[in-house]
Each structure stands twice: as structure tokens, then as C-alpha cells.
């Protein structure tokens, strides 16, 4: 992504987001982080353990940022597009869960020439 490139919608941003997650280990770390976030939310609400909700950002961003800085060696999109990035985490989670991710990643790589 060049410094001038701006994304005006989540639909426009998501393919770029996928190209920043081309490493399988990074995607797996994101998947676990998002899964833990969802679990903490559900458990916290059902059991009325609202303190668990404070661990959601730590779980989500901890796994994701480790994947970017240590595995993928790139800067998380969260810094420039926080809301699109958060939404994209859950879209990617769903696409991994439903085995759509490989096709979507291939399309994104073709679009961005990566």
C-alpha cells in the first residue's frame, strides 16, 4: 500500500487486509486471538464475569500483533484503519472457519499483485 492509497469502504479494504496476512502462521494466530475474544465475550456475559471483557483486547491484539511483528514482519493495519481492521479480523475468522480463506486470499493477491 502506498502512502497515498486510501480505502473508503470495508469492501475495498478487505482484500488489502488479506494480503497483509499471507503467512499461514500469522492467520492461525489471528484465528486463535479472535476465537478467544469471542469466547471471552460469551463466557463473560453468560456467567456475568464482566471482568473477563477487559482481556478481550489483550487476547485479540496480542496474538495478532505477535503474528505481524514476529512472523509476517509487517505493520498491523490496525494503526491506520482500526475499524476496518477489526471488522476484517472477524471476516477472516469466518472465512477460515468456513474454508473460504484460500480462494479469498488468492483473489486478493491477484488484485494487489502480491
PDB file of N, CA and C in Angstrom:
ATOM      1  N   UNK A   1       0.844  -1.177   0.000  1.00  0.00           N
ATOM      2  CA  UNK A   1       0.000   0.000   0.000  1.00  0.00           C
ATOM      3  C   UNK A   1       0.886   1.236   0.000  1.00  0.00           C
ATOM      4  N   UNK A   2       0.609   2.125  -0.887  1.00  0.00           N
ATOM      5  CA  UNK A   2       1.365   3.370  -0.915  1.00  0.00           C
ATOM      6  C   UNK A   2       0.798   4.331   0.120  1.00  0.00           C
ATOM      7  N   UNK A   3       1.587   5.343   0.468  1.00  0.00           N
ATOM      8  CA  UNK A   3       1.133   6.325   1.447  1.00  0.00           C
ATOM      9  C   UNK A   3      -0.095   7.083   0.961  1.00  0.00           C
ATOM     10  N   UNK A   4      -0.270   7.223  -0.366  1.00  0.00           N
ATOM     11  CA  UNK A   4      -1.391   7.970  -0.908  1.00  0.00           C
ATOM     12  C   UNK A   4      -2.674   7.147  -0.969  1.00  0.00           C
ATOM     13  N   UNK A   5      -2.557   5.835  -0.952  1.00  0.00           N
ATOM     14  CA  UNK A   5      -3.725   4.981  -1.106  1.00  0.00           C
ATOM     15  C   UNK A   5      -4.631   5.073   0.124  1.00  0.00           C
ATOM     16  N   UNK A   6      -5.911   5.327  -0.134  1.00  0.00           N
ATOM     17  CA  UNK A   6      -6.907   5.419   0.934  1.00  0.00           C
ATOM     18  C   UNK A   6      -8.047   4.460   0.605  1.00  0.00           C
ATOM     19  N   UNK A   7      -8.542   3.817   1.625  1.00  0.00           N
ATOM     20  CA  UNK A   7      -9.671   2.917   1.442  1.00  0.00           C
ATOM     21  C   UNK A   7     -10.918   3.605   1.972  1.00  0.00           C
ATOM     22  N   UNK A   8     -11.958   3.614   1.164  1.00  0.00           N
ATOM     23  CA  UNK A   8     -13.189   4.318   1.500  1.00  0.00           C
ATOM     24  C   UNK A   8     -14.268   3.397   2.043  1.00  0.00           C
ATOM     25  N   UNK A   9     -14.038   2.080   1.979  1.00  0.00           N
ATOM     26  CA  UNK A   9     -15.045   1.146   2.476  1.00  0.00           C
ATOM     27  C   UNK A   9     -14.364  -0.132   2.944  1.00  0.00           C
ATOM     28  N   UNK A  10     -15.079  -0.869   3.764  1.00  0.00           N
ATOM     29  CA  UNK A  10     -14.572  -2.160   4.235  1.00  0.00           C
ATOM     30  C   UNK A  10     -14.396  -3.123   3.061  1.00  0.00           C
ATOM     31  N   UNK A  11     -15.330  -3.088   2.138  1.00  0.00           N
ATOM     32  CA  UNK A  11     -15.259  -3.967   0.969  1.00  0.00           C
ATOM     33  C   UNK A  11     -14.001  -3.699   0.133  1.00  0.00           C
ATOM     34  N   UNK A  12     -13.618  -2.453   0.054  1.00  0.00           N
ATOM     35  CA  UNK A  12     -12.414  -2.059  -0.676  1.00  0.00           C
ATOM     36  C   UNK A  12     -11.154  -2.427   0.122  1.00  0.00           C
ATOM     37  N   UNK A  13     -11.234  -2.303   1.443  1.00  0.00           N
ATOM     38  CA  UNK A  13     -10.090  -2.538   2.323  1.00  0.00           C
ATOM     39  C   UNK A  13      -9.767  -4.026   2.503  1.00  0.00           C
ATOM     40  N   UNK A  14     -10.789  -4.862   2.609  1.00  0.00           N
ATOM     41  CA  UNK A  14     -10.583  -6.258   2.994  1.00  0.00           C
ATOM     42  C   UNK A  14      -9.589  -7.028   2.119  1.00  0.00           C
ATOM     43  N   UNK A  15      -9.623  -6.915   0.791  1.00  0.00           N
ATOM     44  CA  UNK A  15      -8.610  -7.641   0.008  1.00  0.00           C
ATOM     45  C   UNK A  15      -7.173  -7.223   0.367  1.00  0.00           C
ATOM     46  N   UNK A  16      -6.981  -5.921   0.593  1.00  0.00           N
ATOM     47  CA  UNK A  16      -5.660  -5.459   1.030  1.00  0.00           C
ATOM     48  C   UNK A  16      -5.291  -6.094   2.366  1.00  0.00           C
ATOM     49  N   UNK A  17      -6.236  -6.100   3.284  1.00  0.00           N
ATOM     50  CA  UNK A  17      -6.031  -6.705   4.605  1.00  0.00           C
ATOM     51  C   UNK A  17      -5.553  -8.153   4.460  1.00  0.00           C
ATOM     52  N   UNK A  18      -6.193  -8.895   3.570  1.00  0.00           N
ATOM     53  CA  UNK A  18      -5.794 -10.297   3.382  1.00  0.00           C
ATOM     54  C   UNK A  18      -4.353 -10.424   2.898  1.00  0.00           C
ATOM     55  N   UNK A  19      -3.921  -9.527   2.033  1.00  0.00           N
ATOM     56  CA  UNK A  19      -2.542  -9.619   1.534  1.00  0.00           C
ATOM     57  C   UNK A  19      -1.529  -9.364   2.649  1.00  0.00           C
ATOM     58  N   UNK A  20      -1.945  -8.667   3.684  1.00  0.00           N
ATOM     59  CA  UNK A  20      -1.073  -8.427   4.830  1.00  0.00           C
ATOM     60  C   UNK A  20      -1.076  -9.612   5.799  1.00  0.00           C
ATOM     61  N   UNK A  21      -1.805 -10.674   5.432  1.00  0.00           N
ATOM     62  CA  UNK A  21      -1.911 -11.885   6.239  1.00  0.00           C
ATOM     63  C   UNK A  21      -1.638 -13.108   5.366  1.00  0.00           C
ATOM     64  N   UNK A  22      -0.638 -13.000   4.517  1.00  0.00           N
ATOM     65  CA  UNK A  22      -0.360 -14.093   3.583  1.00  0.00           C
ATOM     66  C   UNK A  22       0.321 -15.285   4.249  1.00  0.00           C
ATOM     67  N   UNK A  23       0.957 -15.049   5.393  1.00  0.00           N
ATOM     68  CA  UNK A  23       1.632 -16.123   6.110  1.00  0.00           C
ATOM     69  C   UNK A  23       0.615 -16.938   6.905  1.00  0.00           C
ATOM     70  N   UNK A  24       0.614 -18.251   6.692  1.00  0.00           N
ATOM     71  CA  UNK A  24      -0.343 -19.136   7.353  1.00  0.00           C
ATOM     72  C   UNK A  24      -0.257 -19.045   8.876  1.00  0.00           C
ATOM     73  N   UNK A  25       0.938 -18.983   9.422  1.00  0.00           N
ATOM     74  CA  UNK A  25       1.094 -18.903  10.881  1.00  0.00           C
ATOM     75  C   UNK A  25       0.464 -17.627  11.422  1.00  0.00           C
ATOM     76  N   UNK A  26       0.626 -16.530  10.710  1.00  0.00           N
ATOM     77  CA  UNK A  26       0.008 -15.271  11.123  1.00  0.00           C
ATOM     78  C   UNK A  26      -1.513 -15.397  11.115  1.00  0.00           C
ATOM     79  N   UNK A  27      -2.064 -16.010  10.083  1.00  0.00           N
ATOM     80  CA  UNK A  27      -3.520 -16.194  10.028  1.00  0.00           C
ATOM     81  C   UNK A  27      -4.006 -17.087  11.161  1.00  0.00           C
ATOM     82  N   UNK A  28      -3.248 -18.116  11.481  1.00  0.00           N
ATOM     83  CA  UNK A  28      -3.621 -19.005  12.588  1.00  0.00           C
ATOM     84  C   UNK A  28      -3.607 -18.241  13.913  1.00  0.00           C
ATOM     85  N   UNK A  29      -2.597 -17.406  14.117  1.00  0.00           N
ATOM     86  CA  UNK A  29      -2.541 -16.605  15.339  1.00  0.00           C
ATOM     87  C   UNK A  29      -3.742 -15.662  15.425  1.00  0.00           C
ATOM     88  N   UNK A  30      -4.105 -15.035  14.318  1.00  0.00           N
ATOM     89  CA  UNK A  30      -5.290 -14.179  14.285  1.00  0.00           C
ATOM     90  C   UNK A  30      -6.549 -14.989  14.606  1.00  0.00           C
ATOM     91  N   UNK A  31      -6.632 -16.175  14.033  1.00  0.00           N
ATOM     92  CA  UNK A  31      -7.798 -17.034  14.250  1.00  0.00           C
ATOM     93  C   UNK A  31      -7.947 -17.373  15.734  1.00  0.00           C
ATOM     94  N   UNK A  32      -6.844 -17.767  16.372  1.00  0.00           N
ATOM     95  CA  UNK A  32      -6.909 -18.086  17.804  1.00  0.00           C
ATOM     96  C   UNK A  32      -7.252 -16.851  18.629  1.00  0.00           C
ATOM     97  N   UNK A  33      -6.635 -15.730  18.307  1.00  0.00           N
ATOM     98  CA  UNK A  33      -6.929 -14.497  19.038  1.00  0.00           C
ATOM     99  C   UNK A  33      -8.397 -14.112  18.921  1.00  0.00           C
ATOM    100  N   UNK A  34      -8.931 -14.156  17.715  1.00  0.00           N
ATOM    101  CA  UNK A  34     -10.347 -13.819  17.514  1.00  0.00           C
ATOM    102  C   UNK A  34     -11.259 -14.825  18.208  1.00  0.00           C
ATOM    103  N   UNK A  35     -10.884 -16.096  18.163  1.00  0.00           N
ATOM    104  CA  UNK A  35     -11.666 -17.124  18.850  1.00  0.00           C
ATOM    105  C   UNK A  35     -11.696 -16.908  20.354  1.00  0.00           C
ATOM    106  N   UNK A  36     -10.577 -16.525  20.913  1.00  0.00           N
ATOM    107  CA  UNK A  36     -10.514 -16.247  22.351  1.00  0.00           C
ATOM    108  C   UNK A  36     -11.357 -15.012  22.681  1.00  0.00           C
ATOM    109  N   UNK A  37     -11.295 -13.992  21.834  1.00  0.00           N
ATOM    110  CA  UNK A  37     -12.105 -12.788  22.041  1.00  0.00           C
ATOM    111  C   UNK A  37     -13.597 -13.148  22.076  1.00  0.00           C
ATOM    112  N   UNK A  38     -14.042 -13.926  21.114  1.00  0.00           N
ATOM    113  CA  UNK A  38     -15.448 -14.336  21.053  1.00  0.00           C
ATOM    114  C   UNK A  38     -15.808 -15.162  22.288  1.00  0.00           C
ATOM    115  N   UNK A  39     -14.929 -16.076  22.678  1.00  0.00           N
ATOM    116  CA  UNK A  39     -15.168 -16.917  23.860  1.00  0.00           C
ATOM    117  C   UNK A  39     -15.263 -16.084  25.128  1.00  0.00           C
ATOM    118  N   UNK A  40     -14.336 -15.133  25.288  1.00  0.00           N
ATOM    119  CA  UNK A  40     -14.373 -14.266  26.476  1.00  0.00           C
ATOM    120  C   UNK A  40     -15.667 -13.465  26.537  1.00  0.00           C
ATOM    121  N   UNK A  41     -16.122 -12.987  25.389  1.00  0.00           N
ATOM    122  CA  UNK A  41     -17.366 -12.219  25.337  1.00  0.00           C
ATOM    123  C   UNK A  41     -18.548 -13.088  25.774  1.00  0.00           C
ATOM    124  N   UNK A  42     -18.653 -14.258  25.198  1.00  0.00           N
ATOM    125  CA  UNK A  42     -19.774 -15.156  25.516  1.00  0.00           C
ATOM    126  C   UNK A  42     -19.728 -15.597  26.975  1.00  0.00           C
ATOM    127  N   UNK A  43     -18.565 -16.056  27.426  1.00  0.00           N
ATOM    128  CA  UNK A  43     -18.435 -16.529  28.806  1.00  0.00           C
ATOM    129  C   UNK A  43     -18.658 -15.392  29.796  1.00  0.00           C
ATOM    130  N   UNK A  44     -18.089 -14.236  29.499  1.00  0.00           N
ATOM    131  CA  UNK A  44     -18.252 -13.082  30.380  1.00  0.00           C
ATOM    132  C   UNK A  44     -19.704 -12.678  30.557  1.00  0.00           C
ATOM    133  N   UNK A  45     -20.458 -12.725  29.474  1.00  0.00           N
ATOM    134  CA  UNK A  45     -21.874 -12.342  29.538  1.00  0.00           C
ATOM    135  C   UNK A  45     -22.704 -13.431  30.219  1.00  0.00           C
ATOM    136  N   UNK A  46     -22.538 -14.665  29.780  1.00  0.00           N
ATOM    137  CA  UNK A  46     -23.348 -15.754  30.331  1.00  0.00           C
ATOM    138  C   UNK A  46     -23.101 -15.942  31.824  1.00  0.00           C
ATOM    139  N   UNK A  47     -21.835 -15.929  32.226  1.00  0.00           N
ATOM    140  CA  UNK A  47     -21.502 -16.157  33.635  1.00  0.00           C
ATOM    141  C   UNK A  47     -21.482 -14.872  34.460  1.00  0.00           C
ATOM    142  N   UNK A  48     -21.796 -13.763  33.790  1.00  0.00           N
ATOM    143  CA  UNK A  48     -21.775 -12.452  34.440  1.00  0.00           C
ATOM    144  C   UNK A  48     -20.418 -12.166  35.092  1.00  0.00           C
ATOM    145  N   UNK A  49     -19.371 -12.564  34.399  1.00  0.00           N
ATOM    146  CA  UNK A  49     -17.988 -12.289  34.804  1.00  0.00           C
ATOM    147  C   UNK A  49     -17.469 -11.174  33.913  1.00  0.00           C
ATOM    148  N   UNK A  50     -17.959  -9.986  34.150  1.00  0.00           N
ATOM    149  CA  UNK A  50     -17.672  -8.864  33.257  1.00  0.00           C
ATOM    150  C   UNK A  50     -16.199  -8.465  33.243  1.00  0.00           C
ATOM    151  N   UNK A  51     -15.449  -8.853  34.245  1.00  0.00           N
ATOM    152  CA  UNK A  51     -14.012  -8.558  34.247  1.00  0.00           C
ATOM    153  C   UNK A  51     -13.290  -9.278  33.115  1.00  0.00           C
ATOM    154  N   UNK A  52     -13.853 -10.383  32.657  1.00  0.00           N
ATOM    155  CA  UNK A  52     -13.251 -11.105  31.527  1.00  0.00           C
ATOM    156  C   UNK A  52     -13.222 -10.250  30.263  1.00  0.00           C
ATOM    157  N   UNK A  53     -14.168  -9.333  30.140  1.00  0.00           N
ATOM    158  CA  UNK A  53     -14.249  -8.498  28.945  1.00  0.00           C
ATOM    159  C   UNK A  53     -13.021  -7.607  28.790  1.00  0.00           C
ATOM    160  N   UNK A  54     -12.361  -7.293  29.892  1.00  0.00           N
ATOM    161  CA  UNK A  54     -11.159  -6.461  29.826  1.00  0.00           C
ATOM    162  C   UNK A  54      -9.989  -7.196  29.166  1.00  0.00           C
ATOM    163  N   UNK A  55     -10.057  -8.524  29.108  1.00  0.00           N
ATOM    164  CA  UNK A  55      -8.990  -9.305  28.489  1.00  0.00           C
ATOM    165  C   UNK A  55      -9.169  -9.471  26.980  1.00  0.00           C
ATOM    166  N   UNK A  56     -10.308  -9.050  26.478  1.00  0.00           N
ATOM    167  CA  UNK A  56     -10.572  -9.201  25.042  1.00  0.00           C
ATOM    168  C   UNK A  56      -9.542  -8.480  24.171  1.00  0.00           C
ATOM    169  N   UNK A  57      -9.244  -7.211  24.409  1.00  0.00           N
ATOM    170  CA  UNK A  57      -8.229  -6.553  23.559  1.00  0.00           C
ATOM    171  C   UNK A  57      -6.854  -7.196  23.690  1.00  0.00           C
ATOM    172  N   UNK A  58      -6.505  -7.615  24.885  1.00  0.00           N
ATOM    173  CA  UNK A  58      -5.204  -8.256  25.084  1.00  0.00           C
ATOM    174  C   UNK A  58      -5.102  -9.538  24.263  1.00  0.00           C
ATOM    175  N   UNK A  59      -6.145 -10.341  24.304  1.00  0.00           N
ATOM    176  CA  UNK A  59      -6.142 -11.597  23.542  1.00  0.00           C
ATOM    177  C   UNK A  59      -6.127 -11.329  22.046  1.00  0.00           C
ATOM    178  N   UNK A  60      -7.021 -10.470  21.599  1.00  0.00           N
ATOM    179  CA  UNK A  60      -7.113 -10.209  20.162  1.00  0.00           C
ATOM    180  C   UNK A  60      -5.867  -9.568  19.599  1.00  0.00           C
ATOM    181  N   UNK A  61      -5.457  -8.461  20.190  1.00  0.00           N
ATOM    182  CA  UNK A  61      -4.291  -7.743  19.667  1.00  0.00           C
ATOM    183  C   UNK A  61      -2.981  -8.456  19.986  1.00  0.00           C
ATOM    184  N   UNK A  62      -2.921  -9.144  21.110  1.00  0.00           N
ATOM    185  CA  UNK A  62      -1.685  -9.857  21.469  1.00  0.00           C
ATOM    186  C   UNK A  62      -1.296 -10.884  20.421  1.00  0.00           C
ATOM    187  N   UNK A  63      -2.235 -11.740  20.073  1.00  0.00           N
ATOM    188  CA  UNK A  63      -1.963 -12.762  19.056  1.00  0.00           C
ATOM    189  C   UNK A  63      -1.694 -12.122  17.697  1.00  0.00           C
ATOM    190  N   UNK A  64      -2.517 -11.145  17.334  1.00  0.00           N
ATOM    191  CA  UNK A  64      -2.394 -10.509  16.015  1.00  0.00           C
ATOM    192  C   UNK A  64      -1.069  -9.769  15.872  1.00  0.00           C
ATOM    193  N   UNK A  65      -0.717  -8.960  16.854  1.00  0.00           N
ATOM    194  CA  UNK A  65       0.497  -8.166  16.741  1.00  0.00           C
ATOM    195  C   UNK A  65       1.741  -9.036  16.806  1.00  0.00           C
ATOM    196  N   UNK A  66       1.698 -10.098  17.585  1.00  0.00           N
ATOM    197  CA  UNK A  66       2.823 -11.038  17.571  1.00  0.00           C
ATOM    198  C   UNK A  66       2.985 -11.598  16.157  1.00  0.00           C
ATOM    199  N   UNK A  67       1.877 -11.972  15.537  1.00  0.00           N
ATOM    200  CA  UNK A  67       1.923 -12.507  14.177  1.00  0.00           C
ATOM    201  C   UNK A  67       2.497 -11.526  13.169  1.00  0.00           C
ATOM    202  N   UNK A  68       2.143 -10.257  13.322  1.00  0.00           N
ATOM    203  CA  UNK A  68       2.653  -9.260  12.376  1.00  0.00           C
ATOM    204  C   UNK A  68       4.121  -8.931  12.622  1.00  0.00           C
ATOM    205  N   UNK A  69       4.467  -8.625  13.851  1.00  0.00           N
ATOM    206  CA  UNK A  69       5.834  -8.177  14.133  1.00  0.00           C
ATOM    207  C   UNK A  69       6.854  -9.311  14.075  1.00  0.00           C
ATOM    208  N   UNK A  70       6.496 -10.508  14.533  1.00  0.00           N
ATOM    209  CA  UNK A  70       7.463 -11.596  14.634  1.00  0.00           C
ATOM    210  C   UNK A  70       7.407 -12.589  13.466  1.00  0.00           C
ATOM    211  N   UNK A  71       6.249 -12.756  12.866  1.00  0.00           N
ATOM    212  CA  UNK A  71       6.096 -13.765  11.812  1.00  0.00           C
ATOM    213  C   UNK A  71       6.034 -13.108  10.425  1.00  0.00           C
ATOM    214  N   UNK A  72       5.045 -12.259  10.226  1.00  0.00           N
ATOM    215  CA  UNK A  72       4.814 -11.653   8.911  1.00  0.00           C
ATOM    216  C   UNK A  72       5.804 -10.529   8.615  1.00  0.00           C
ATOM    217  N   UNK A  73       6.339  -9.914   9.673  1.00  0.00           N
ATOM    218  CA  UNK A  73       7.306  -8.812   9.553  1.00  0.00           C
ATOM    219  C   UNK A  73       6.699  -7.607   8.835  1.00  0.00           C
ATOM    220  N   UNK A  74       5.473  -7.262   9.218  1.00  0.00           N
ATOM    221  CA  UNK A  74       4.839  -6.063   8.673  1.00  0.00           C
ATOM    222  C   UNK A  74       4.103  -5.331   9.791  1.00  0.00           C
ATOM    223  N   UNK A  75       3.620  -4.160   9.465  1.00  0.00           N
ATOM    224  CA  UNK A  75       2.945  -3.316  10.453  1.00  0.00           C
ATOM    225  C   UNK A  75       1.444  -3.601  10.404  1.00  0.00           C
ATOM    226  N   UNK A  76       0.811  -3.867  11.547  1.00  0.00           N
ATOM    227  CA  UNK A  76      -0.623  -4.149  11.546  1.00  0.00           C
ATOM    228  C   UNK A  76      -1.439  -3.003  10.944  1.00  0.00           C
ATOM    229  N   UNK A  77      -2.434  -3.371  10.165  1.00  0.00           N
ATOM    230  CA  UNK A  77      -3.316  -2.377   9.538  1.00  0.00           C
ATOM    231  C   UNK A  77      -4.138  -1.623  10.582  1.00  0.00           C
ATOM    232  N   UNK A  78      -4.199  -2.155  11.790  1.00  0.00           N
ATOM    233  CA  UNK A  78      -4.941  -1.514  12.882  1.00  0.00           C
ATOM    234  C   UNK A  78      -4.479  -0.084  13.117  1.00  0.00           C
ATOM    235  N   UNK A  79      -3.208   0.188  12.904  1.00  0.00           N
ATOM    236  CA  UNK A  79      -2.674   1.515  13.190  1.00  0.00           C
ATOM    237  C   UNK A  79      -3.238   2.585  12.260  1.00  0.00           C
ATOM    238  N   UNK A  80      -3.559   2.198  11.025  1.00  0.00           N
ATOM    239  CA  UNK A  80      -4.063   3.177  10.061  1.00  0.00           C
ATOM    240  C   UNK A  80      -5.581   3.066   9.861  1.00  0.00           C
ATOM    241  N   UNK A  81      -6.102   1.862   9.940  1.00  0.00           N
ATOM    242  CA  UNK A  81      -7.520   1.606   9.716  1.00  0.00           C
ATOM    243  C   UNK A  81      -8.086   0.756  10.861  1.00  0.00           C
ATOM    244  N   UNK A  82      -8.232   1.316  12.055  1.00  0.00           N
ATOM    245  CA  UNK A  82      -8.620   0.499  13.216  1.00  0.00           C
ATOM    246  C   UNK A  82      -9.974  -0.195  13.080  1.00  0.00           C
ATOM    247  N   UNK A  83     -10.976   0.484  12.566  1.00  0.00           N
ATOM    248  CA  UNK A  83     -12.302  -0.128  12.479  1.00  0.00           C
ATOM    249  C   UNK A  83     -12.403  -1.129  11.339  1.00  0.00           C
ATOM    250  N   UNK A  84     -11.845  -0.784  10.189  1.00  0.00           N
ATOM    251  CA  UNK A  84     -11.832  -1.737   9.077  1.00  0.00           C
ATOM    252  C   UNK A  84     -11.022  -2.974   9.451  1.00  0.00           C
ATOM    253  N   UNK A  85      -9.936  -2.770  10.145  1.00  0.00           N
ATOM    254  CA  UNK A  85      -9.084  -3.885  10.537  1.00  0.00           C
ATOM    255  C   UNK A  85      -9.799  -4.811  11.520  1.00  0.00           C
ATOM    256  N   UNK A  86     -10.468  -4.230  12.499  1.00  0.00           N
ATOM    257  CA  UNK A  86     -11.209  -5.041  13.477  1.00  0.00           C
ATOM    258  C   UNK A  86     -12.300  -5.857  12.781  1.00  0.00           C
ATOM    259  N   UNK A  87     -13.061  -5.212  11.923  1.00  0.00           N
ATOM    260  CA  UNK A  87     -14.105  -5.929  11.186  1.00  0.00           C
ATOM    261  C   UNK A  87     -13.488  -7.018  10.310  1.00  0.00           C
ATOM    262  N   UNK A  88     -12.358  -6.710   9.688  1.00  0.00           N
ATOM    263  CA  UNK A  88     -11.692  -7.678   8.817  1.00  0.00           C
ATOM    264  C   UNK A  88     -11.194  -8.885   9.583  1.00  0.00           C
ATOM    265  N   UNK A  89     -10.779  -8.682  10.839  1.00  0.00           N
ATOM    266  CA  UNK A  89     -10.362  -9.821  11.671  1.00  0.00           C
ATOM    267  C   UNK A  89     -11.482 -10.852  11.765  1.00  0.00           C
ATOM    268  N   UNK A  90     -12.699 -10.367  11.966  1.00  0.00           N
ATOM    269  CA  UNK A  90     -13.824 -11.296  12.132  1.00  0.00           C
ATOM    270  C   UNK A  90     -14.301 -11.872  10.803  1.00  0.00           C
ATOM    271  N   UNK A  91     -14.158 -11.105   9.731  1.00  0.00           N
ATOM    272  CA  UNK A  91     -14.457 -11.658   8.405  1.00  0.00           C
ATOM    273  C   UNK A  91     -13.469 -12.782   8.095  1.00  0.00           C
ATOM    274  N   UNK A  92     -12.180 -12.522   8.335  1.00  0.00           N
ATOM    275  CA  UNK A  92     -11.167 -13.550   8.089  1.00  0.00           C
ATOM    276  C   UNK A  92     -11.404 -14.763   8.983  1.00  0.00           C
ATOM    277  N   UNK A  93     -11.762 -14.538  10.250  1.00  0.00           N
ATOM    278  CA  UNK A  93     -12.074 -15.640  11.172  1.00  0.00           C
ATOM    279  C   UNK A  93     -13.163 -16.524  10.563  1.00  0.00           C
ATOM    280  N   UNK A  94     -14.241 -15.892  10.093  1.00  0.00           N
ATOM    281  CA  UNK A  94     -15.349 -16.636   9.500  1.00  0.00           C
ATOM    282  C   UNK A  94     -14.899 -17.381   8.238  1.00  0.00           C
ATOM    283  N   UNK A  95     -14.093 -16.738   7.414  1.00  0.00           N
ATOM    284  CA  UNK A  95     -13.650 -17.388   6.180  1.00  0.00           C
ATOM    285  C   UNK A  95     -12.691 -18.544   6.450  1.00  0.00           C
ATOM    286  N   UNK A  96     -11.908 -18.453   7.510  1.00  0.00           N
ATOM    287  CA  UNK A  96     -11.067 -19.587   7.899  1.00  0.00           C
ATOM    288  C   UNK A  96     -11.956 -20.716   8.393  1.00  0.00           C
ATOM    289  N   UNK A  97     -12.905 -20.388   9.242  1.00  0.00           N
ATOM    290  CA  UNK A  97     -13.815 -21.375   9.832  1.00  0.00           C
ATOM    291  C   UNK A  97     -14.624 -22.106   8.767  1.00  0.00           C
ATOM    292  N   UNK A  98     -14.978 -21.403   7.690  1.00  0.00           N
ATOM    293  CA  UNK A  98     -15.810 -21.983   6.629  1.00  0.00           C
ATOM    294  C   UNK A  98     -14.993 -22.396   5.393  1.00  0.00           C
ATOM    295  N   UNK A  99     -13.676 -22.441   5.541  1.00  0.00           N
ATOM    296  CA  UNK A  99     -12.770 -22.912   4.490  1.00  0.00           C
ATOM    297  C   UNK A  99     -12.832 -22.094   3.199  1.00  0.00           C
ATOM    298  N   UNK A 100     -13.148 -20.826   3.288  1.00  0.00           N
ATOM    299  CA  UNK A 100     -13.182 -19.939   2.124  1.00  0.00           C
ATOM    300  C   UNK A 100     -11.877 -19.157   1.954  1.00  0.00           C
ATOM    301  N   UNK A 101     -11.027 -19.183   2.957  1.00  0.00           N
ATOM    302  CA  UNK A 101      -9.902 -18.253   3.030  1.00  0.00           C
ATOM    303  C   UNK A 101      -8.917 -18.392   1.872  1.00  0.00           C
ATOM    304  N   UNK A 102      -8.614 -19.605   1.448  1.00  0.00           N
ATOM    305  CA  UNK A 102      -7.607 -19.771   0.391  1.00  0.00           C
ATOM    306  C   UNK A 102      -8.039 -19.101  -0.909  1.00  0.00           C
ATOM    307  N   UNK A 103      -9.295 -19.263  -1.285  1.00  0.00           N
ATOM    308  CA  UNK A 103      -9.800 -18.616  -2.503  1.00  0.00           C
ATOM    309  C   UNK A 103      -9.810 -17.101  -2.376  1.00  0.00           C
ATOM    310  N   UNK A 104     -10.237 -16.601  -1.222  1.00  0.00           N
ATOM    311  CA  UNK A 104     -10.280 -15.149  -0.990  1.00  0.00           C
ATOM    312  C   UNK A 104      -8.877 -14.549  -0.971  1.00  0.00           C
ATOM    313  N   UNK A 105      -7.930 -15.268  -0.375  1.00  0.00           N
ATOM    314  CA  UNK A 105      -6.547 -14.792  -0.330  1.00  0.00           C
ATOM    315  C   UNK A 105      -5.955 -14.754  -1.734  1.00  0.00           C
ATOM    316  N   UNK A 106      -6.218 -15.773  -2.520  1.00  0.00           N
ATOM    317  CA  UNK A 106      -5.706 -15.803  -3.892  1.00  0.00           C
ATOM    318  C   UNK A 106      -6.260 -14.624  -4.701  1.00  0.00           C
ATOM    319  N   UNK A 107      -7.548 -14.367  -4.589  1.00  0.00           N
ATOM    320  CA  UNK A 107      -8.167 -13.223  -5.282  1.00  0.00           C
ATOM    321  C   UNK A 107      -7.511 -11.906  -4.847  1.00  0.00           C
ATOM    322  N   UNK A 108      -7.284 -11.766  -3.541  1.00  0.00           N
ATOM    323  CA  UNK A 108      -6.687 -10.538  -3.011  1.00  0.00           C
ATOM    324  C   UNK A 108      -5.263 -10.355  -3.511  1.00  0.00           C
ATOM    325  N   UNK A 109      -4.501 -11.437  -3.554  1.00  0.00           N
ATOM    326  CA  UNK A 109      -3.113 -11.360  -4.016  1.00  0.00           C
ATOM    327  C   UNK A 109      -3.060 -10.992  -5.491  1.00  0.00           C
ATOM    328  N   UNK A 110      -3.994 -11.502  -6.271  1.00  0.00           N
ATOM    329  CA  UNK A 110      -4.046 -11.151  -7.692  1.00  0.00           C
ATOM    330  C   UNK A 110      -4.392  -9.668  -7.855  1.00  0.00           C
ATOM    331  N   UNK A 111      -5.317  -9.180  -7.042  1.00  0.00           N
ATOM    332  CA  UNK A 111      -5.734  -7.768  -7.112  1.00  0.00           C
ATOM    333  C   UNK A 111      -4.594  -6.827  -6.758  1.00  0.00           C
ATOM    334  N   UNK A 112      -3.812  -7.182  -5.739  1.00  0.00           N
ATOM    335  CA  UNK A 112      -2.745  -6.293  -5.257  1.00  0.00           C
ATOM    336  C   UNK A 112      -1.366  -6.704  -5.766  1.00  0.00           C
ATOM    337  N   UNK A 113      -1.298  -7.699  -6.635  1.00  0.00           N
ATOM    338  CA  UNK A 113      -0.034  -8.080  -7.245  1.00  0.00           C
ATOM    339  C   UNK A 113       1.001  -8.604  -6.252  1.00  0.00           C
ATOM    340  N   UNK A 114       0.535  -9.310  -5.253  1.00  0.00           N
ATOM    341  CA  UNK A 114       1.471  -9.851  -4.245  1.00  0.00           C
ATOM    342  C   UNK A 114       1.575 -11.339  -4.355  1.00  0.00           C
TER     343      UNK A 114
END
